Amino acid sequence: MEIPGKIKWQSRRGMREIDLMLLPFVEQDLPHMDESVLEDYAQLLEASDLQLVRWFDGTQEPDTEARRRVVKLIRQCHAKRLGREGV
């Protein structure tokens, strides 16, 4: 699947913690997923940087089911890249 340029651009948040999660996901993982994941991801990008940090570090739960699914998926993909699937 081709990822729209707007999605790639919006994935660059300027916060290292978030960029380390989002940029590899959008470049390496998302192109191999179905359209529904892209839709969930686009919705996730509407959140603030602070919300994203809290969702990724687990201090807060995402506010919608779609966001919960995609945060979980991004965290799993990130863990696989780090070789820490069991974390």
N, C-alpha and C. Protein backbone atom coordinates (compact mmCIF):
# COMPACT_ATOMS: atom_id res chain seq x y z
N MET A 1 0.85 -1.18 0.00
CA MET A 1 0.00 0.00 0.00
C MET A 1 0.89 1.24 0.00
N GLU A 2 0.51 2.20 -0.78
CA GLU A 2 1.22 3.48 -0.84
C GLU A 2 0.73 4.38 0.29
N ILE A 3 1.67 4.90 1.07
CA ILE A 3 1.33 5.78 2.19
C ILE A 3 1.30 7.22 1.67
N PRO A 4 0.19 7.92 1.89
CA PRO A 4 0.11 9.31 1.42
C PRO A 4 1.19 10.19 2.05
N GLY A 5 1.71 11.13 1.26
CA GLY A 5 2.75 12.03 1.74
C GLY A 5 2.33 12.81 2.98
N LYS A 6 1.05 13.17 3.05
CA LYS A 6 0.54 13.90 4.21
C LYS A 6 0.71 13.09 5.49
N ILE A 7 0.45 11.80 5.42
CA ILE A 7 0.59 10.92 6.59
C ILE A 7 2.06 10.84 6.99
N LYS A 8 2.94 10.70 6.01
CA LYS A 8 4.37 10.65 6.33
C LYS A 8 4.82 11.95 6.98
N TRP A 9 4.38 13.07 6.44
CA TRP A 9 4.78 14.37 6.98
C TRP A 9 4.26 14.54 8.40
N GLN A 10 3.01 14.19 8.65
CA GLN A 10 2.41 14.34 9.98
C GLN A 10 3.04 13.41 11.01
N SER A 11 3.72 12.37 10.54
CA SER A 11 4.37 11.44 11.46
C SER A 11 5.65 12.02 12.05
N ARG A 12 6.18 13.06 11.45
CA ARG A 12 7.36 13.75 11.98
C ARG A 12 6.89 14.76 13.02
N ARG A 13 7.01 14.40 14.28
CA ARG A 13 6.44 15.22 15.33
C ARG A 13 7.46 16.16 15.98
N GLY A 14 8.75 15.88 15.83
CA GLY A 14 9.76 16.74 16.42
C GLY A 14 10.14 16.38 17.84
N MET A 15 9.48 15.38 18.40
CA MET A 15 9.85 14.87 19.72
C MET A 15 10.51 13.52 19.50
N ARG A 16 11.73 13.40 19.95
CA ARG A 16 12.51 12.19 19.69
C ARG A 16 11.77 10.92 20.11
N GLU A 17 11.15 10.94 21.28
CA GLU A 17 10.47 9.75 21.79
C GLU A 17 9.37 9.28 20.83
N ILE A 18 8.64 10.24 20.29
CA ILE A 18 7.54 9.91 19.38
C ILE A 18 8.09 9.53 18.01
N ASP A 19 9.05 10.29 17.52
CA ASP A 19 9.62 10.02 16.20
C ASP A 19 10.23 8.62 16.12
N LEU A 20 10.84 8.16 17.20
CA LEU A 20 11.44 6.82 17.21
C LEU A 20 10.39 5.72 17.09
N MET A 21 9.16 6.03 17.46
CA MET A 21 8.08 5.06 17.33
C MET A 21 7.37 5.20 15.97
N LEU A 22 7.04 6.43 15.60
CA LEU A 22 6.19 6.65 14.43
C LEU A 22 6.91 6.51 13.10
N LEU A 23 8.09 7.10 12.97
CA LEU A 23 8.75 7.11 11.66
C LEU A 23 9.08 5.71 11.14
N PRO A 24 9.69 4.84 11.95
CA PRO A 24 9.92 3.48 11.44
C PRO A 24 8.61 2.74 11.14
N PHE A 25 7.58 2.99 11.95
CA PHE A 25 6.29 2.34 11.71
C PHE A 25 5.72 2.75 10.36
N VAL A 26 5.71 4.05 10.08
CA VAL A 26 5.09 4.52 8.84
C VAL A 26 5.94 4.14 7.62
N GLU A 27 7.25 4.01 7.80
CA GLU A 27 8.12 3.68 6.67
C GLU A 27 8.25 2.18 6.44
N GLN A 28 8.29 1.39 7.51
CA GLN A 28 8.59 -0.04 7.39
C GLN A 28 7.38 -0.96 7.57
N ASP A 29 6.47 -0.59 8.45
CA ASP A 29 5.38 -1.51 8.81
C ASP A 29 4.06 -1.18 8.13
N LEU A 30 3.66 0.06 8.18
CA LEU A 30 2.35 0.47 7.67
C LEU A 30 2.13 0.12 6.20
N PRO A 31 3.14 0.22 5.33
CA PRO A 31 2.89 -0.13 3.92
C PRO A 31 2.44 -1.57 3.69
N HIS A 32 2.67 -2.45 4.68
CA HIS A 32 2.32 -3.86 4.53
C HIS A 32 1.00 -4.20 5.22
N MET A 33 0.30 -3.19 5.70
CA MET A 33 -0.94 -3.42 6.43
C MET A 33 -2.13 -2.99 5.59
N ASP A 34 -3.32 -3.34 6.06
CA ASP A 34 -4.51 -3.01 5.28
C ASP A 34 -4.99 -1.58 5.53
N GLU A 35 -5.93 -1.18 4.73
CA GLU A 35 -6.44 0.19 4.72
C GLU A 35 -7.03 0.61 6.07
N SER A 36 -7.62 -0.32 6.80
CA SER A 36 -8.22 0.04 8.09
C SER A 36 -7.16 0.50 9.09
N VAL A 37 -5.97 -0.09 9.03
CA VAL A 37 -4.89 0.35 9.92
C VAL A 37 -4.45 1.76 9.53
N LEU A 38 -4.38 2.03 8.25
CA LEU A 38 -4.03 3.38 7.80
C LEU A 38 -5.05 4.40 8.31
N GLU A 39 -6.33 4.06 8.26
CA GLU A 39 -7.37 4.95 8.78
C GLU A 39 -7.21 5.18 10.28
N ASP A 40 -6.95 4.11 11.04
CA ASP A 40 -6.73 4.25 12.48
C ASP A 40 -5.49 5.09 12.76
N TYR A 41 -4.45 4.89 11.97
CA TYR A 41 -3.22 5.65 12.15
C TYR A 41 -3.45 7.13 11.87
N ALA A 42 -4.18 7.44 10.82
CA ALA A 42 -4.49 8.84 10.49
C ALA A 42 -5.25 9.49 11.64
N GLN A 43 -6.15 8.75 12.25
CA GLN A 43 -6.90 9.27 13.41
C GLN A 43 -5.95 9.50 14.59
N LEU A 44 -5.00 8.60 14.78
CA LEU A 44 -4.04 8.74 15.87
C LEU A 44 -3.24 10.03 15.74
N LEU A 45 -2.89 10.38 14.50
CA LEU A 45 -2.07 11.57 14.27
C LEU A 45 -2.77 12.87 14.63
N GLU A 46 -4.06 12.83 14.85
CA GLU A 46 -4.80 14.01 15.28
C GLU A 46 -4.54 14.36 16.74
N ALA A 47 -3.99 13.43 17.50
CA ALA A 47 -3.71 13.64 18.92
C ALA A 47 -2.51 14.56 19.10
N SER A 48 -2.43 15.19 20.27
CA SER A 48 -1.29 16.05 20.58
C SER A 48 -0.05 15.20 20.88
N ASP A 49 1.10 15.85 20.82
CA ASP A 49 2.34 15.15 21.15
C ASP A 49 2.32 14.62 22.57
N LEU A 50 1.80 15.41 23.49
CA LEU A 50 1.74 14.99 24.89
C LEU A 50 0.86 13.76 25.05
N GLN A 51 -0.28 13.73 24.37
CA GLN A 51 -1.13 12.54 24.42
C GLN A 51 -0.38 11.33 23.88
N LEU A 52 0.29 11.50 22.75
CA LEU A 52 1.02 10.38 22.15
C LEU A 52 2.08 9.83 23.10
N VAL A 53 2.84 10.72 23.72
CA VAL A 53 3.88 10.28 24.66
C VAL A 53 3.24 9.46 25.78
N ARG A 54 2.17 9.96 26.34
CA ARG A 54 1.51 9.26 27.45
C ARG A 54 0.93 7.92 27.01
N TRP A 55 0.39 7.85 25.79
CA TRP A 55 -0.15 6.59 25.30
C TRP A 55 0.95 5.59 25.03
N PHE A 56 2.05 6.04 24.45
CA PHE A 56 3.14 5.11 24.15
C PHE A 56 3.89 4.65 25.39
N ASP A 57 4.00 5.52 26.39
CA ASP A 57 4.72 5.07 27.60
C ASP A 57 3.80 4.36 28.59
N GLY A 58 2.51 4.32 28.27
CA GLY A 58 1.57 3.56 29.09
C GLY A 58 1.02 4.29 30.31
N THR A 59 1.31 5.59 30.44
CA THR A 59 0.80 6.31 31.59
C THR A 59 -0.66 6.70 31.43
N GLN A 60 -1.16 6.68 30.20
CA GLN A 60 -2.58 6.91 29.93
C GLN A 60 -3.04 5.94 28.85
N GLU A 61 -4.33 5.68 28.87
CA GLU A 61 -4.97 4.82 27.87
C GLU A 61 -5.51 5.70 26.74
N PRO A 62 -5.29 5.32 25.48
CA PRO A 62 -5.87 6.09 24.38
C PRO A 62 -7.39 6.21 24.53
N ASP A 63 -7.94 7.28 24.00
CA ASP A 63 -9.33 7.64 24.24
C ASP A 63 -10.35 6.97 23.33
N THR A 64 -9.92 6.24 22.32
CA THR A 64 -10.86 5.50 21.46
C THR A 64 -10.31 4.10 21.21
N GLU A 65 -11.20 3.21 20.82
CA GLU A 65 -10.79 1.84 20.52
C GLU A 65 -9.82 1.80 19.34
N ALA A 66 -10.08 2.60 18.31
CA ALA A 66 -9.19 2.64 17.14
C ALA A 66 -7.80 3.08 17.55
N ARG A 67 -7.71 4.09 18.39
CA ARG A 67 -6.39 4.56 18.85
C ARG A 67 -5.72 3.52 19.73
N ARG A 68 -6.49 2.82 20.55
CA ARG A 68 -5.89 1.76 21.39
C ARG A 68 -5.28 0.67 20.51
N ARG A 69 -6.02 0.30 19.45
CA ARG A 69 -5.51 -0.75 18.54
C ARG A 69 -4.21 -0.33 17.88
N VAL A 70 -4.17 0.88 17.35
CA VAL A 70 -2.98 1.29 16.59
C VAL A 70 -1.80 1.57 17.53
N VAL A 71 -2.04 2.09 18.72
CA VAL A 71 -0.94 2.28 19.68
C VAL A 71 -0.34 0.92 20.04
N LYS A 72 -1.20 -0.05 20.31
CA LYS A 72 -0.72 -1.39 20.63
C LYS A 72 0.10 -1.97 19.47
N LEU A 73 -0.39 -1.79 18.26
CA LEU A 73 0.31 -2.29 17.07
C LEU A 73 1.67 -1.61 16.89
N ILE A 74 1.71 -0.30 17.05
CA ILE A 74 2.98 0.44 16.92
C ILE A 74 3.97 -0.02 17.98
N ARG A 75 3.51 -0.19 19.21
CA ARG A 75 4.39 -0.65 20.29
C ARG A 75 4.93 -2.05 19.99
N GLN A 76 4.08 -2.94 19.44
CA GLN A 76 4.54 -4.28 19.08
C GLN A 76 5.59 -4.23 17.98
N CYS A 77 5.34 -3.45 16.96
CA CYS A 77 6.31 -3.33 15.86
C CYS A 77 7.63 -2.74 16.36
N HIS A 78 7.55 -1.76 17.23
CA HIS A 78 8.75 -1.15 17.80
C HIS A 78 9.54 -2.18 18.62
N ALA A 79 8.85 -2.96 19.42
CA ALA A 79 9.53 -3.97 20.23
C ALA A 79 10.22 -5.00 19.34
N LYS A 80 9.60 -5.39 18.24
CA LYS A 80 10.21 -6.35 17.32
C LYS A 80 11.49 -5.77 16.70
N ARG A 81 11.45 -4.49 16.34
CA ARG A 81 12.65 -3.87 15.78
C ARG A 81 13.78 -3.85 16.79
N LEU A 82 13.44 -3.71 18.07
CA LEU A 82 14.46 -3.68 19.12
C LEU A 82 14.85 -5.08 19.57
N GLY A 83 14.14 -6.10 19.07
CA GLY A 83 14.43 -7.47 19.48
C GLY A 83 13.93 -7.77 20.88
N ARG A 84 12.89 -7.03 21.29
CA ARG A 84 12.37 -7.21 22.66
C ARG A 84 10.86 -7.48 22.62
N GLU A 85 10.48 -8.49 21.86
CA GLU A 85 9.06 -8.79 21.68
C GLU A 85 8.35 -9.11 22.98
N GLY A 86 9.06 -9.67 23.95
CA GLY A 86 8.44 -10.08 25.21
C GLY A 86 8.30 -8.97 26.22
N VAL A 87 8.74 -7.77 25.87
CA VAL A 87 8.71 -6.65 26.83
C VAL A 87 7.32 -6.10 26.93
